[in-house]
N, C-alpha and C. Protein backbone atom coordinates (compact mmCIF):
# COMPACT_ATOMS: atom_id res chain seq x y z
N MET A 1 -4.58 -16.42 12.53
CA MET A 1 -5.51 -15.83 12.42
C MET A 1 -5.11 -14.67 11.33
N ARG A 2 -5.31 -14.91 10.47
CA ARG A 2 -5.17 -14.11 9.15
C ARG A 2 -6.08 -13.62 8.15
N MET A 3 -6.17 -12.24 7.84
CA MET A 3 -7.64 -12.21 7.22
C MET A 3 -7.44 -11.12 5.91
N PHE A 4 -8.28 -11.33 5.38
CA PHE A 4 -7.94 -10.47 3.65
C PHE A 4 -8.27 -9.39 4.18
N ILE A 5 -6.94 -8.56 3.48
CA ILE A 5 -7.40 -6.97 3.14
C ILE A 5 -7.74 -7.04 1.17
N THR A 6 -7.83 -8.20 1.12
CA THR A 6 -8.42 -8.19 -0.52
C THR A 6 -9.42 -7.86 -0.47
N VAL A 7 -9.55 -6.17 -0.56
CA VAL A 7 -11.02 -5.44 -0.88
C VAL A 7 -11.33 -5.91 -2.51
N LEU A 8 -12.74 -6.15 -2.36
CA LEU A 8 -13.25 -6.37 -3.80
C LEU A 8 -13.77 -5.62 -4.43
N ILE A 9 -13.11 -4.21 -3.69
CA ILE A 9 -13.77 -3.16 -4.69
C ILE A 9 -13.71 -2.83 -6.07
N ILE A 10 -13.13 -3.26 -6.97
CA ILE A 10 -12.66 -3.15 -8.10
C ILE A 10 -13.97 -3.22 -9.04
N ILE A 11 -14.33 -4.55 -8.90
CA ILE A 11 -15.47 -4.58 -9.50
C ILE A 11 -16.81 -4.69 -9.28
N PHE A 12 -16.66 -5.20 -8.58
CA PHE A 12 -18.53 -4.88 -7.59
C PHE A 12 -18.73 -3.93 -6.50
N ASN A 13 -18.64 -4.91 -5.44
CA ASN A 13 -18.50 -3.75 -3.74
C ASN A 13 -17.30 -4.55 -3.21
N LEU A 14 -17.26 -4.03 -2.05
CA LEU A 14 -16.33 -4.06 -1.31
C LEU A 14 -16.50 -5.10 -0.32
N GLN A 15 -15.94 -6.32 0.18
CA GLN A 15 -15.92 -7.55 0.99
C GLN A 15 -16.25 -6.90 2.15
N THR A 16 -16.60 -7.77 2.83
CA THR A 16 -17.47 -7.59 4.17
C THR A 16 -16.16 -8.27 5.01
N TRP A 17 -15.69 -7.57 5.77
CA TRP A 17 -14.73 -7.63 6.97
C TRP A 17 -15.08 -7.91 8.11
N THR A 18 -14.32 -9.17 8.48
CA THR A 18 -14.76 -9.33 10.03
C THR A 18 -13.71 -8.64 11.36
N LYS A 19 -13.90 -8.91 12.70
CA LYS A 19 -13.30 -8.06 13.41
C LYS A 19 -11.51 -8.68 13.07
N ALA A 20 -10.27 -8.26 13.44
CA ALA A 20 -9.45 -8.69 13.44
C ALA A 20 -8.75 -7.88 14.70
N ASP A 21 -7.79 -8.95 15.28
CA ASP A 21 -7.05 -8.02 16.64
C ASP A 21 -5.90 -7.04 16.17
N ASP A 22 -5.62 -7.36 14.70
CA ASP A 22 -4.07 -6.52 14.36
C ASP A 22 -3.62 -6.02 12.88
N ILE A 23 -3.41 -4.82 12.55
CA ILE A 23 -2.71 -4.25 11.49
C ILE A 23 -2.14 -5.66 11.14
N ARG A 24 -1.34 -6.35 11.40
CA ARG A 24 -0.53 -7.96 10.84
C ARG A 24 -0.96 -9.04 10.35
N ASP A 25 -2.50 -8.94 10.48
CA ASP A 25 -3.52 -9.65 10.02
C ASP A 25 -4.15 -9.91 8.91
N PHE A 26 -4.09 -8.47 8.54
CA PHE A 26 -4.43 -8.16 7.29
C PHE A 26 -3.52 -8.86 6.40
N GLU A 27 -4.38 -9.11 4.67
CA GLU A 27 -3.61 -9.76 4.01
C GLU A 27 -3.89 -9.21 2.29
N ILE A 28 -2.86 -8.53 1.68
CA ILE A 28 -3.24 -7.98 0.13
C ILE A 28 -2.86 -9.64 -0.78
N GLU A 29 -3.43 -10.18 -1.40
CA GLU A 29 -3.62 -10.72 -2.25
C GLU A 29 -3.10 -12.24 -1.61
N GLY A 30 -3.41 -12.32 -0.44
CA GLY A 30 -3.04 -13.20 0.16
C GLY A 30 -1.32 -13.46 1.05
N ILE A 31 -1.08 -12.36 0.60
CA ILE A 31 0.54 -11.55 1.23
C ILE A 31 0.44 -10.99 2.52
N SER A 32 0.91 -11.21 3.60
CA SER A 32 1.14 -9.94 4.68
C SER A 32 2.38 -9.55 5.14
N ILE A 33 2.41 -8.54 5.72
CA ILE A 33 3.79 -8.54 6.50
C ILE A 33 4.12 -9.34 7.59
N GLY A 34 5.26 -9.32 7.73
CA GLY A 34 6.25 -10.72 8.16
C GLY A 34 6.44 -12.00 7.47
N ASP A 35 5.60 -11.90 6.13
CA ASP A 35 5.59 -13.27 5.14
C ASP A 35 7.30 -13.24 4.67
N SER A 36 7.64 -13.89 4.28
CA SER A 36 8.59 -14.18 3.28
C SER A 36 8.24 -13.48 1.70
N VAL A 37 8.93 -12.76 0.81
CA VAL A 37 8.72 -12.48 -0.77
C VAL A 37 8.94 -13.74 -1.19
N LEU A 38 9.76 -14.52 -0.95
CA LEU A 38 10.03 -16.05 -1.41
C LEU A 38 9.02 -16.81 -1.61
N ASN A 39 8.03 -16.51 -0.47
CA ASN A 39 6.31 -17.28 -0.68
C ASN A 39 6.01 -17.07 -1.86
N PHE A 40 6.56 -16.05 -2.83
CA PHE A 40 4.88 -15.47 -3.24
C PHE A 40 5.76 -15.62 -4.97
N PHE A 41 7.01 -15.38 -4.63
CA PHE A 41 7.87 -14.74 -5.90
C PHE A 41 9.46 -15.29 -6.28
N SER A 42 9.43 -15.79 -7.36
CA SER A 42 11.19 -16.23 -7.04
C SER A 42 12.25 -15.47 -6.99
N MET A 43 13.67 -15.56 -6.93
CA MET A 43 14.72 -14.39 -6.89
C MET A 43 14.75 -14.40 -8.07
N ASP A 44 14.23 -14.72 -9.73
CA ASP A 44 14.31 -13.77 -10.50
C ASP A 44 13.17 -12.81 -10.79
N GLU A 45 12.27 -13.19 -10.14
CA GLU A 45 11.69 -12.42 -9.93
C GLU A 45 11.25 -11.21 -9.41
N ILE A 46 12.18 -11.39 -8.25
CA ILE A 46 12.41 -10.30 -7.28
C ILE A 46 13.77 -9.39 -7.62
N LYS A 47 14.69 -10.11 -8.75
CA LYS A 47 15.85 -9.32 -9.39
C LYS A 47 15.39 -8.40 -10.47
N ASN A 48 14.26 -9.05 -10.97
CA ASN A 48 13.97 -8.04 -12.20
C ASN A 48 12.38 -7.11 -12.06
N ASN A 49 12.32 -6.75 -10.81
CA ASN A 49 11.32 -6.10 -10.45
C ASN A 49 11.95 -5.10 -9.17
N THR A 50 12.79 -5.38 -9.06
CA THR A 50 13.67 -4.22 -7.89
C THR A 50 14.01 -3.16 -8.18
N TRP A 51 13.44 -2.02 -7.51
CA TRP A 51 13.65 -0.46 -7.52
C TRP A 51 14.69 0.29 -7.20
N ASP A 52 15.04 0.67 -7.72
CA ASP A 52 16.20 1.65 -6.71
C ASP A 52 16.05 3.27 -6.72
N TYR A 53 15.22 3.53 -5.69
CA TYR A 53 14.87 4.94 -5.70
C TYR A 53 14.75 5.67 -3.99
N PHE A 54 15.72 4.63 -3.33
CA PHE A 54 15.88 5.33 -2.21
C PHE A 54 17.57 5.59 -1.93
N LYS A 55 17.26 6.68 -1.59
CA LYS A 55 18.80 6.94 -1.29
C LYS A 55 19.83 6.45 -0.34
N ASN A 56 18.92 6.04 0.80
CA ASN A 56 19.47 5.00 1.93
C ASN A 56 19.34 3.95 1.55
N LYS A 57 20.15 2.72 1.52
CA LYS A 57 19.36 1.41 0.65
C LYS A 57 19.00 0.40 1.84
N GLU A 58 19.05 0.96 2.82
CA GLU A 58 18.50 0.14 4.30
C GLU A 58 17.24 -1.15 3.89
N PHE A 59 16.49 -0.48 2.96
CA PHE A 59 15.19 -1.33 2.32
C PHE A 59 15.06 -1.67 0.85
N THR A 60 14.43 -2.83 0.32
CA THR A 60 14.74 -2.71 -0.90
C THR A 60 13.53 -2.79 -1.51
N PRO A 61 13.32 -2.07 -2.38
CA PRO A 61 11.62 -1.39 -2.81
C PRO A 61 11.41 -2.67 -3.84
N LEU A 62 10.23 -3.26 -3.71
CA LEU A 62 9.97 -4.35 -5.13
C LEU A 62 8.52 -3.76 -5.95
N GLN A 63 8.37 -3.76 -7.18
CA GLN A 63 7.14 -3.33 -7.54
C GLN A 63 6.45 -4.44 -8.80
N PHE A 64 6.04 -5.63 -8.74
CA PHE A 64 4.85 -6.29 -9.46
C PHE A 64 3.73 -6.08 -10.26
N ASP A 65 4.06 -5.76 -11.47
CA ASP A 65 2.84 -5.15 -12.13
C ASP A 65 1.96 -6.36 -12.76
N TYR A 66 0.46 -5.92 -12.45
CA TYR A 66 -0.17 -7.72 -12.77
C TYR A 66 0.30 -8.72 -12.52
N PRO A 67 0.59 -9.38 -11.14
CA PRO A 67 1.31 -10.50 -11.03
C PRO A 67 0.54 -11.35 -11.28
N LYS A 68 0.43 -12.35 -11.66
CA LYS A 68 -0.57 -13.75 -12.50
C LYS A 68 -1.57 -13.84 -11.41
N PHE A 69 -1.15 -14.32 -9.88
CA PHE A 69 -2.12 -14.67 -9.12
C PHE A 69 -3.11 -13.72 -8.53
N ALA A 70 -2.96 -12.02 -8.54
CA ALA A 70 -3.44 -11.21 -8.04
C ALA A 70 -4.82 -11.21 -8.23
N THR A 71 -6.14 -11.12 -7.98
CA THR A 71 -7.42 -10.97 -8.51
C THR A 71 -8.21 -9.48 -8.21
N THR A 72 -7.49 -9.03 -7.19
CA THR A 72 -8.29 -7.82 -7.22
C THR A 72 -7.23 -6.58 -7.31
N TYR A 73 -5.81 -6.48 -7.38
CA TYR A 73 -4.87 -5.06 -7.44
C TYR A 73 -4.09 -5.65 -8.73
N ASP A 74 -3.68 -4.33 -9.43
CA ASP A 74 -3.42 -3.79 -10.55
C ASP A 74 -1.65 -4.17 -10.09
N ALA A 75 -0.79 -3.79 -8.88
CA ALA A 75 0.39 -4.29 -8.49
C ALA A 75 0.45 -4.29 -7.44
N ILE A 76 1.57 -4.98 -6.77
CA ILE A 76 1.92 -5.12 -5.58
C ILE A 76 3.45 -4.65 -4.92
N ASP A 77 3.42 -3.89 -4.13
CA ASP A 77 4.59 -3.21 -4.04
C ASP A 77 5.14 -3.83 -2.65
N ILE A 78 6.33 -4.18 -2.39
CA ILE A 78 6.79 -4.82 -1.29
C ILE A 78 8.13 -4.26 -0.90
N GLN A 79 8.28 -4.20 0.39
CA GLN A 79 9.65 -3.44 0.96
C GLN A 79 9.98 -4.46 2.10
N TYR A 80 11.57 -4.80 1.75
CA TYR A 80 11.92 -5.72 2.91
C TYR A 80 13.64 -5.05 2.83
N LYS A 81 13.77 -5.61 4.52
CA LYS A 81 15.12 -4.98 4.71
C LYS A 81 16.49 -5.90 3.98
N THR A 82 17.00 -4.99 3.40
CA THR A 82 18.24 -5.32 1.92
C THR A 82 18.98 -6.48 2.50
N ASN A 83 19.64 -6.39 3.39
CA ASN A 83 20.36 -8.05 4.13
C ASN A 83 19.85 -8.63 5.09
N ASP A 84 18.26 -8.70 4.69
CA ASP A 84 17.58 -9.75 5.24
C ASP A 84 17.27 -10.85 4.34
N ASN A 85 18.20 -12.09 4.69
CA ASN A 85 17.91 -13.12 3.78
C ASN A 85 16.76 -14.16 3.60
N ASP A 86 15.94 -13.55 4.53
CA ASP A 86 14.61 -14.26 4.63
C ASP A 86 13.50 -13.34 3.93
N TYR A 87 14.34 -12.39 3.39
CA TYR A 87 13.31 -11.46 2.71
C TYR A 87 12.01 -11.21 3.43
N LYS A 88 12.11 -11.04 4.69
CA LYS A 88 10.82 -10.88 5.35
C LYS A 88 10.04 -9.44 5.22
N ILE A 89 8.89 -9.50 4.64
CA ILE A 89 8.15 -8.20 4.27
C ILE A 89 7.70 -7.26 5.38
N MET A 90 7.89 -5.67 5.00
CA MET A 90 8.25 -5.08 6.19
C MET A 90 6.63 -3.61 5.74
N GLY A 91 6.82 -3.52 4.60
CA GLY A 91 5.91 -2.95 3.83
C GLY A 91 5.50 -3.70 3.11
N LEU A 92 4.10 -3.63 2.47
CA LEU A 92 3.29 -4.33 1.58
C LEU A 92 2.02 -3.07 0.82
N SER A 93 1.77 -2.91 -0.41
CA SER A 93 0.82 -2.32 -0.89
C SER A 93 0.17 -3.06 -2.23
N GLY A 94 -1.08 -2.70 -1.99
CA GLY A 94 -2.04 -3.58 -3.34
C GLY A 94 -2.56 -1.87 -3.88
N ILE A 95 -2.13 -1.43 -5.46
CA ILE A 95 -2.59 -0.95 -6.14
C ILE A 95 -3.60 -1.11 -6.62
N ILE A 96 -4.26 0.06 -7.28
CA ILE A 96 -5.42 -0.25 -8.64
C ILE A 96 -5.06 0.48 -9.14
N PHE A 97 -5.30 0.51 -10.71
CA PHE A 97 -4.62 1.51 -11.39
C PHE A 97 -6.21 2.77 -12.25
N TYR A 98 -5.42 3.92 -12.33
CA TYR A 98 -7.33 4.35 -12.76
C TYR A 98 -6.31 5.05 -13.91
N THR A 99 -6.21 4.41 -15.40
CA THR A 99 -5.63 4.69 -16.44
C THR A 99 -6.19 6.16 -17.36
N ASP A 100 -7.68 6.02 -16.73
CA ASP A 100 -8.38 7.07 -17.36
C ASP A 100 -8.63 8.80 -16.63
N LYS A 101 -8.23 9.54 -16.58
CA LYS A 101 -7.66 10.77 -15.93
C LYS A 101 -9.42 10.94 -15.32
N LYS A 102 -10.21 11.01 -16.07
CA LYS A 102 -11.65 10.99 -15.48
C LYS A 102 -12.12 10.29 -14.32
N LYS A 103 -11.70 9.24 -14.12
CA LYS A 103 -12.30 7.89 -13.23
C LYS A 103 -12.02 8.33 -11.58
N ILE A 104 -11.15 9.67 -11.97
CA ILE A 104 -10.18 9.33 -10.60
C ILE A 104 -11.29 9.80 -9.38
N ASN A 105 -12.42 10.00 -9.52
CA ASN A 105 -13.72 10.38 -8.97
C ASN A 105 -14.01 8.91 -7.89
N GLU A 106 -14.06 7.32 -9.06
CA GLU A 106 -14.50 6.55 -8.71
C GLU A 106 -13.27 5.99 -7.26
N CYS A 107 -11.85 6.29 -7.55
CA CYS A 107 -11.23 6.04 -6.51
C CYS A 107 -11.06 6.80 -5.30
N TYR A 108 -11.62 8.19 -5.08
CA TYR A 108 -12.00 8.84 -3.86
C TYR A 108 -13.38 7.96 -3.14
N LYS A 109 -14.14 7.40 -4.01
CA LYS A 109 -15.63 6.75 -3.75
C LYS A 109 -14.96 5.57 -2.90
N LYS A 110 -14.02 4.90 -3.68
CA LYS A 110 -13.94 3.90 -2.96
C LYS A 110 -12.63 3.51 -1.74
N MET A 111 -12.60 5.05 -1.91
CA MET A 111 -11.22 5.05 -0.43
C MET A 111 -12.03 5.26 0.79
N ASP A 112 -12.83 5.85 0.22
CA ASP A 112 -13.80 5.98 1.76
C ASP A 112 -14.93 5.12 2.09
N ASN A 113 -15.13 3.93 1.08
CA ASN A 113 -15.48 2.90 1.10
C ASN A 113 -14.71 1.90 2.25
N ILE A 114 -13.27 1.80 1.52
CA ILE A 114 -12.49 0.97 2.53
C ILE A 114 -12.34 1.72 3.86
N ILE A 115 -12.07 3.12 3.91
CA ILE A 115 -12.18 3.43 5.68
C ILE A 115 -13.27 3.37 6.39
N ILE A 116 -14.44 3.43 5.59
CA ILE A 116 -15.64 2.92 6.66
C ILE A 116 -15.40 1.38 6.94
N ASP A 117 -15.00 0.76 6.45
CA ASP A 117 -14.84 -1.01 6.47
C ASP A 117 -13.34 -0.70 7.67
N ILE A 118 -12.29 -0.40 7.55
CA ILE A 118 -11.32 -0.48 8.07
C ILE A 118 -11.84 0.02 9.82
N ARG A 119 -12.71 1.11 9.80
CA ARG A 119 -12.89 1.74 11.12
C ARG A 119 -13.98 0.55 11.68
N SER A 120 -14.70 -0.31 11.26
CA SER A 120 -15.41 -1.61 11.71
C SER A 120 -14.34 -2.45 11.90
N SER A 121 -13.42 -2.77 11.31
CA SER A 121 -12.85 -4.33 10.93
C SER A 121 -11.63 -4.78 12.29
N ILE A 122 -10.90 -3.01 12.54
CA ILE A 122 -10.03 -3.61 13.94
C ILE A 122 -10.38 -2.36 14.48
N GLU A 123 -10.46 -2.50 16.08
CA GLU A 123 -10.79 -1.61 17.52
C GLU A 123 -9.52 -1.30 17.51
N ASN A 124 -9.74 -0.15 18.18
CA ASN A 124 -8.43 0.65 19.17
C ASN A 124 -7.57 0.71 18.11
N LEU A 125 -7.76 1.53 16.88
CA LEU A 125 -6.62 2.31 16.03
C LEU A 125 -6.81 3.77 15.77
N LYS A 126 -6.41 4.21 15.85
CA LYS A 126 -6.08 5.71 15.90
C LYS A 126 -6.11 6.03 14.41
N GLU A 127 -6.82 6.84 14.15
CA GLU A 127 -7.16 7.25 12.55
C GLU A 127 -6.60 9.14 11.73
N THR A 128 -5.99 9.21 11.26
CA THR A 128 -5.87 10.53 10.77
C THR A 128 -7.15 10.69 10.02
N LYS A 129 -7.03 12.20 10.75
CA LYS A 129 -7.73 13.03 9.30
C LYS A 129 -7.51 13.00 7.87
N LYS A 130 -8.95 12.62 7.05
CA LYS A 130 -8.24 12.45 5.81
C LYS A 130 -7.59 14.16 4.90
N ASN A 131 -6.58 14.09 4.53
CA ASN A 131 -5.77 15.56 3.94
C ASN A 131 -5.38 15.06 2.81
N THR A 132 -5.11 16.11 2.16
CA THR A 132 -4.59 16.48 0.49
C THR A 132 -3.55 16.81 0.55
N TYR A 133 -2.41 16.73 -0.23
CA TYR A 133 -1.48 17.57 -0.15
C TYR A 133 -0.90 17.52 -1.74
N THR A 134 0.28 18.33 -1.71
CA THR A 134 0.72 18.41 -3.17
C THR A 134 2.04 16.95 -3.20
N HIS A 135 1.55 16.31 -4.31
CA HIS A 135 3.16 15.09 -4.42
C HIS A 135 4.08 15.58 -5.05
N THR A 136 4.67 15.52 -3.90
CA THR A 136 6.44 16.17 -4.08
C THR A 136 7.33 15.57 -5.06
N GLY A 137 6.69 14.00 -5.36
CA GLY A 137 7.50 13.01 -5.87
C GLY A 137 7.49 13.74 -7.70
N VAL A 138 6.71 14.69 -8.18
CA VAL A 138 6.16 15.15 -9.37
C VAL A 138 6.73 16.49 -9.47
N ASP A 139 7.32 16.81 -10.73
CA ASP A 139 7.76 18.10 -10.69
C ASP A 139 6.73 18.66 -11.77
N ASP A 140 5.37 19.22 -11.34
CA ASP A 140 4.23 20.09 -12.48
C ASP A 140 3.79 21.29 -11.59
N GLY A 141 4.46 21.44 -10.86
CA GLY A 141 4.22 22.85 -10.21
C GLY A 141 3.20 22.37 -9.87
N GLY A 142 3.01 21.64 -8.22
CA GLY A 142 1.88 21.03 -7.36
C GLY A 142 1.07 21.20 -7.69
N LYS A 143 0.77 20.47 -8.81
CA LYS A 143 -0.95 20.27 -9.30
C LYS A 143 -1.00 18.76 -8.96
N SER A 144 -0.29 17.63 -9.25
CA SER A 144 -0.44 16.47 -8.64
C SER A 144 -0.55 16.60 -7.31
N THR A 145 -1.41 15.66 -6.57
CA THR A 145 -2.29 15.55 -5.35
C THR A 145 -2.25 14.41 -5.23
N VAL A 146 -2.01 13.97 -3.78
CA VAL A 146 -2.43 12.63 -2.55
C VAL A 146 -3.01 12.98 -1.52
N THR A 147 -4.13 12.31 -1.70
CA THR A 147 -4.98 12.12 -0.55
C THR A 147 -5.19 10.99 0.30
N GLN A 148 -5.01 10.78 1.64
CA GLN A 148 -5.15 9.65 1.99
C GLN A 148 -5.48 10.11 3.72
N VAL A 149 -5.50 8.80 4.16
CA VAL A 149 -6.05 8.15 5.74
C VAL A 149 -5.08 7.00 6.24
N SER A 150 -4.87 7.38 7.29
CA SER A 150 -3.92 6.52 8.19
C SER A 150 -4.60 5.69 9.10
N PHE A 151 -4.18 4.65 9.39
CA PHE A 151 -4.86 3.58 10.72
C PHE A 151 -3.72 3.13 11.42
N GLU A 152 -3.11 3.56 12.79
CA GLU A 152 -1.77 3.53 13.18
C GLU A 152 -2.56 2.01 14.41
N ASN A 153 -1.92 1.28 14.93
CA ASN A 153 -1.91 0.66 15.95
C ASN A 153 -1.05 1.06 17.26
N GLU A 154 -1.45 0.76 18.28
CA GLU A 154 0.04 0.83 19.44
C GLU A 154 1.25 0.71 18.64
N GLY A 155 1.45 0.02 18.25
CA GLY A 155 3.15 -0.17 18.00
C GLY A 155 3.57 0.08 17.23
N LEU A 156 2.47 1.29 16.34
CA LEU A 156 2.47 2.29 15.21
C LEU A 156 2.77 1.86 13.89
N ASP A 157 2.46 0.49 14.02
CA ASP A 157 2.21 -0.12 12.24
C ASP A 157 1.04 0.42 11.77
N ALA A 158 0.75 0.56 10.81
CA ALA A 158 -0.17 1.42 10.00
C ALA A 158 -0.57 0.75 8.90
N ILE A 159 -1.80 0.68 8.55
CA ILE A 159 -2.90 0.80 7.04
C ILE A 159 -2.98 2.27 6.64
N THR A 160 -2.78 2.53 5.50
CA THR A 160 -2.63 3.93 4.86
C THR A 160 -3.04 3.60 3.13
N ILE A 161 -4.36 4.50 3.31
CA ILE A 161 -5.43 4.48 2.07
C ILE A 161 -4.78 6.10 1.69
N GLN A 162 -4.71 5.40 -0.14
CA GLN A 162 -4.09 7.10 -0.89
C GLN A 162 -4.67 6.74 -2.08
N CYS A 163 -4.85 8.07 -2.83
CA CYS A 163 -5.69 7.99 -3.81
C CYS A 163 -4.84 9.49 -4.94
N TYR A 164 -3.92 9.03 -5.81
CA TYR A 164 -2.85 9.95 -6.36
C TYR A 164 -3.40 9.93 -7.64
N ASN A 165 -3.69 11.63 -7.40
CA ASN A 165 -4.13 12.43 -8.49
C ASN A 165 -3.61 13.15 -9.48
N TYR A 166 -2.59 12.50 -10.49
CA TYR A 166 -1.83 13.28 -11.56
C TYR A 166 -2.30 14.32 -12.29
N SER A 167 -1.72 15.34 -12.49
CA SER A 167 -1.77 16.37 -13.22
C SER A 167 -2.25 15.69 -14.97
N THR A 168 -1.34 15.12 -15.39
CA THR A 168 -1.18 15.30 -16.56
C THR A 168 -0.85 13.66 -17.03
N GLU A 169 -0.59 13.23 -15.95
CA GLU A 169 -0.18 11.61 -16.37
C GLU A 169 -1.20 10.42 -16.11
N SER A 170 -1.43 9.48 -16.45
CA SER A 170 -2.47 8.56 -16.72
C SER A 170 -1.72 7.48 -15.55
N GLN A 171 -1.12 8.12 -14.40
CA GLN A 171 -0.80 7.34 -13.68
C GLN A 171 -1.37 6.69 -11.80
N ASN A 172 -2.66 8.01 -12.45
CA ASN A 172 -3.92 7.73 -11.06
C ASN A 172 -4.25 6.54 -10.95
N HIS A 173 -4.01 6.31 -9.24
CA HIS A 173 -4.17 4.90 -8.67
C HIS A 173 -4.64 5.08 -7.32
N LEU A 174 -4.81 3.97 -6.86
CA LEU A 174 -5.46 4.09 -5.35
C LEU A 174 -4.18 3.10 -4.58
N ARG A 175 -4.18 3.28 -3.61
CA ARG A 175 -2.53 2.37 -2.56
C ARG A 175 -3.58 2.04 -1.79
N ILE A 176 -3.49 1.11 -1.29
CA ILE A 176 -3.53 0.54 0.29
C ILE A 176 -2.36 -0.46 0.62
N GLY A 177 -1.54 0.44 1.74
CA GLY A 177 -0.38 0.12 1.93
C GLY A 177 -0.32 -0.84 3.59
N ILE A 178 -0.07 -1.60 3.85
CA ILE A 178 -0.02 -2.22 5.50
C ILE A 178 1.95 -1.91 5.56
N ASN A 179 2.00 -1.21 6.76
CA ASN A 179 3.80 -1.16 6.64
C ASN A 179 4.00 -0.93 7.98
N THR A 180 5.08 -1.66 8.68
CA THR A 180 5.63 -2.08 10.24
C THR A 180 5.84 -0.61 10.26
N TYR A 181 6.06 -0.15 11.44
CA TYR A 181 6.57 0.97 12.43
C TYR A 181 7.92 1.20 11.70
N GLU A 182 9.19 0.01 11.63
CA GLU A 182 10.37 0.04 11.60
C GLU A 182 10.33 0.70 10.11
N TYR A 183 9.57 -0.03 9.06
CA TYR A 183 9.64 0.63 7.54
C TYR A 183 9.37 2.37 7.54
N ARG A 184 8.27 2.54 8.59
CA ARG A 184 7.85 3.63 8.12
C ARG A 184 8.40 5.12 8.76
N TYR A 185 9.34 4.75 9.81
CA TYR A 185 10.34 5.40 10.59
C TYR A 185 11.58 5.49 9.35
N PHE A 186 11.90 4.54 8.85
CA PHE A 186 12.72 4.61 7.59
C PHE A 186 12.02 5.63 6.59
N LEU A 187 10.89 5.91 6.38
CA LEU A 187 10.70 6.09 4.93
C LEU A 187 10.49 7.90 5.45
N GLU A 188 10.03 8.03 6.12
CA GLU A 188 9.85 9.39 7.12
C GLU A 188 11.34 10.13 7.54
N ASN A 189 12.50 9.17 7.69
CA ASN A 189 13.48 9.78 8.12
C ASN A 189 15.07 9.47 7.79
N LYS A 190 15.03 8.17 6.88
CA LYS A 190 16.20 8.19 6.14
C LYS A 190 16.06 7.55 4.56
N ALA A 191 14.63 7.39 4.47
CA ALA A 191 14.68 7.02 2.69
C ALA A 191 15.47 7.71 2.30
N TYR A 192 15.11 9.03 1.75
CA TYR A 192 16.24 9.86 0.59
C TYR A 192 16.83 10.70 1.32
N ASN A 193 17.90 10.32 2.32
CA ASN A 193 19.12 11.14 2.68
C ASN A 193 20.34 10.46 2.66
């Protein structure tokens, strides 16, 4: 049983979610952790949307801006193990852009609504406290920030909701990510080494 994380928060309201058994039951635009990227994108699309920002090449990141089938998100980010011929998705994010700097408060409001819905959607999740920290990937004297909350299951897979607030650029965005423990471990311990 798959469940939509197709959070229809963009235009009108948050969709009502039903109870799920596991984080991996959630979907972003019909895509779930464990699916093959090839079920949604061609090899040409994969090659044309591959990014190279990890020093360690164990995982390959993809970013698809404005995919044709997307109805909720402006972009979809996917990560898979580089040597996996099945292109099994290990990390998946839906992104909503806020190109108008003044609209960042909308991101925070939507984030709070998503947090409330996730709390009521999956039982037995460990929730982190909402925190804001300096975005280390931006060289602007520490003015850009990320605010986030994560929900982990017993296997340490996680859903993370983040609002990125850039100091000068119009790249502000909401990100809802679903990541396996293996990919999370890679990000925290290997990706930039």
